[in-house]
Amino acid sequence: MTSSRSPQRKHLASSPFAPPVEQIVETYHVDDKVCHDLYGLGKVVGVDSHAVTVDFGDKTVRIKPPYAKLEHL
């Protein structure tokens, strides 16, 4: 007996019916060294559930998830 279920169809990337892609949100800890495309090298000085605070030397910036342009070093 064969199954009546058909295999899952693949959707085009531009399809409105494609399942949403989950973004992977990085986790940061105090004293992590980071690099930002606009601000340069910095050090995480604060972490809370809504953002990370990074000291870039001349400027301290609070960056919200998904932490665009911020990466671990």
C-alpha atoms as a PDB file:
ATOM      1  CA  MET A   1       0.000   0.000   0.000  1.00  0.00           C
ATOM      2  CA  THR A   2       1.369   3.428  -0.889  1.00  0.00           C
ATOM      3  CA  SER A   3       1.086   6.564   1.165  1.00  0.00           C
ATOM      4  CA  SER A   4      -1.193   9.317  -0.071  1.00  0.00           C
ATOM      5  CA  ARG A   5       1.098  11.979   1.374  1.00  0.00           C
ATOM      6  CA  SER A   6       3.232  13.741  -1.181  1.00  0.00           C
ATOM      7  CA  PRO A   7       6.718  14.906  -0.319  1.00  0.00           C
ATOM      8  CA  GLN A   8       7.098  18.436   1.029  1.00  0.00           C
ATOM      9  CA  ARG A   9       7.346  20.925  -1.797  1.00  0.00           C
ATOM     10  CA  LYS A  10      10.151  23.431  -1.901  1.00  0.00           C
ATOM     11  CA  HIS A  11       9.129  27.059  -2.168  1.00  0.00           C
ATOM     12  CA  LEU A  12      10.919  29.752  -4.083  1.00  0.00           C
ATOM     13  CA  ALA A  13      12.765  32.265  -1.908  1.00  0.00           C
ATOM     14  CA  SER A  14      10.413  35.003  -3.096  1.00  0.00           C
ATOM     15  CA  SER A  15       7.270  32.948  -2.463  1.00  0.00           C
ATOM     16  CA  PRO A  16       4.795  34.429   0.038  1.00  0.00           C
ATOM     17  CA  PHE A  17       4.041  30.854   1.153  1.00  0.00           C
ATOM     18  CA  ALA A  18       7.603  29.978   2.101  1.00  0.00           C
ATOM     19  CA  PRO A  19       8.096  29.353   5.815  1.00  0.00           C
ATOM     20  CA  PRO A  20       9.737  32.286   7.609  1.00  0.00           C
ATOM     21  CA  VAL A  21      13.459  32.008   8.133  1.00  0.00           C
ATOM     22  CA  GLU A  22      14.484  32.129  11.783  1.00  0.00           C
ATOM     23  CA  GLN A  23      17.176  34.659  12.545  1.00  0.00           C
ATOM     24  CA  ILE A  24      19.996  33.430  14.702  1.00  0.00           C
ATOM     25  CA  VAL A  25      20.601  35.976  17.424  1.00  0.00           C
ATOM     26  CA  GLU A  26      24.081  35.906  18.904  1.00  0.00           C
ATOM     27  CA  THR A  27      24.618  36.103  22.638  1.00  0.00           C
ATOM     28  CA  TYR A  28      27.141  38.493  24.124  1.00  0.00           C
ATOM     29  CA  HIS A  29      28.693  38.628  27.571  1.00  0.00           C
ATOM     30  CA  VAL A  30      30.383  41.419  29.515  1.00  0.00           C
ATOM     31  CA  ASP A  31      34.050  41.880  28.486  1.00  0.00           C
ATOM     32  CA  ASP A  32      33.542  40.299  25.024  1.00  0.00           C
ATOM     33  CA  LYS A  33      35.641  41.978  22.350  1.00  0.00           C
ATOM     34  CA  VAL A  34      33.536  42.997  19.354  1.00  0.00           C
ATOM     35  CA  CYS A  35      33.825  44.805  16.049  1.00  0.00           C
ATOM     36  CA  HIS A  36      31.138  47.024  14.505  1.00  0.00           C
ATOM     37  CA  ASP A  37      31.117  48.166  10.871  1.00  0.00           C
ATOM     38  CA  LEU A  38      30.460  51.807  11.812  1.00  0.00           C
ATOM     39  CA  TYR A  39      32.075  52.248  15.260  1.00  0.00           C
ATOM     40  CA  GLY A  40      35.073  49.904  14.998  1.00  0.00           C
ATOM     41  CA  LEU A  41      36.584  47.839  17.823  1.00  0.00           C
ATOM     42  CA  GLY A  42      34.880  47.775  21.197  1.00  0.00           C
ATOM     43  CA  LYS A  43      34.231  45.933  24.431  1.00  0.00           C
ATOM     44  CA  VAL A  44      30.844  44.844  25.796  1.00  0.00           C
ATOM     45  CA  VAL A  45      30.257  46.661  29.102  1.00  0.00           C
ATOM     46  CA  GLY A  46      26.613  45.774  29.701  1.00  0.00           C
ATOM     47  CA  VAL A  47      24.101  43.112  28.695  1.00  0.00           C
ATOM     48  CA  ASP A  48      20.349  43.037  29.284  1.00  0.00           C
ATOM     49  CA  SER A  49      17.403  41.291  27.657  1.00  0.00           C
ATOM     50  CA  HIS A  50      16.807  44.127  25.170  1.00  0.00           C
ATOM     51  CA  ALA A  51      20.298  45.252  24.104  1.00  0.00           C
ATOM     52  CA  VAL A  52      24.036  45.197  24.669  1.00  0.00           C
ATOM     53  CA  THR A  53      26.054  48.253  25.648  1.00  0.00           C
ATOM     54  CA  VAL A  54      29.418  48.511  23.928  1.00  0.00           C
ATOM     55  CA  ASP A  55      32.278  50.890  24.767  1.00  0.00           C
ATOM     56  CA  PHE A  56      34.090  51.935  21.595  1.00  0.00           C
ATOM     57  CA  GLY A  57      36.563  54.212  23.408  1.00  0.00           C
ATOM     58  CA  ASP A  58      35.253  57.610  22.379  1.00  0.00           C
ATOM     59  CA  LYS A  59      31.605  56.545  22.406  1.00  0.00           C
ATOM     60  CA  THR A  60      29.380  54.109  24.307  1.00  0.00           C
ATOM     61  CA  VAL A  61      26.544  52.687  22.197  1.00  0.00           C
ATOM     62  CA  ARG A  62      23.523  50.547  23.082  1.00  0.00           C
ATOM     63  CA  ILE A  63      22.831  48.061  20.259  1.00  0.00           C
ATOM     64  CA  LYS A  64      19.545  46.152  19.973  1.00  0.00           C
ATOM     65  CA  PRO A  65      19.090  42.625  18.570  1.00  0.00           C
ATOM     66  CA  PRO A  66      19.644  41.189  15.990  1.00  0.00           C
ATOM     67  CA  TYR A  67      22.922  43.108  16.474  1.00  0.00           C
ATOM     68  CA  ALA A  68      23.362  44.076  12.842  1.00  0.00           C
ATOM     69  CA  LYS A  69      26.954  44.850  11.869  1.00  0.00           C
ATOM     70  CA  LEU A  70      28.293  43.576  15.227  1.00  0.00           C
ATOM     71  CA  GLU A  71      30.505  40.518  15.460  1.00  0.00           C
ATOM     72  CA  HIS A  72      32.614  38.690  18.033  1.00  0.00           C
ATOM     73  CA  LEU A  73      36.376  38.848  17.842  1.00  0.00           C
END
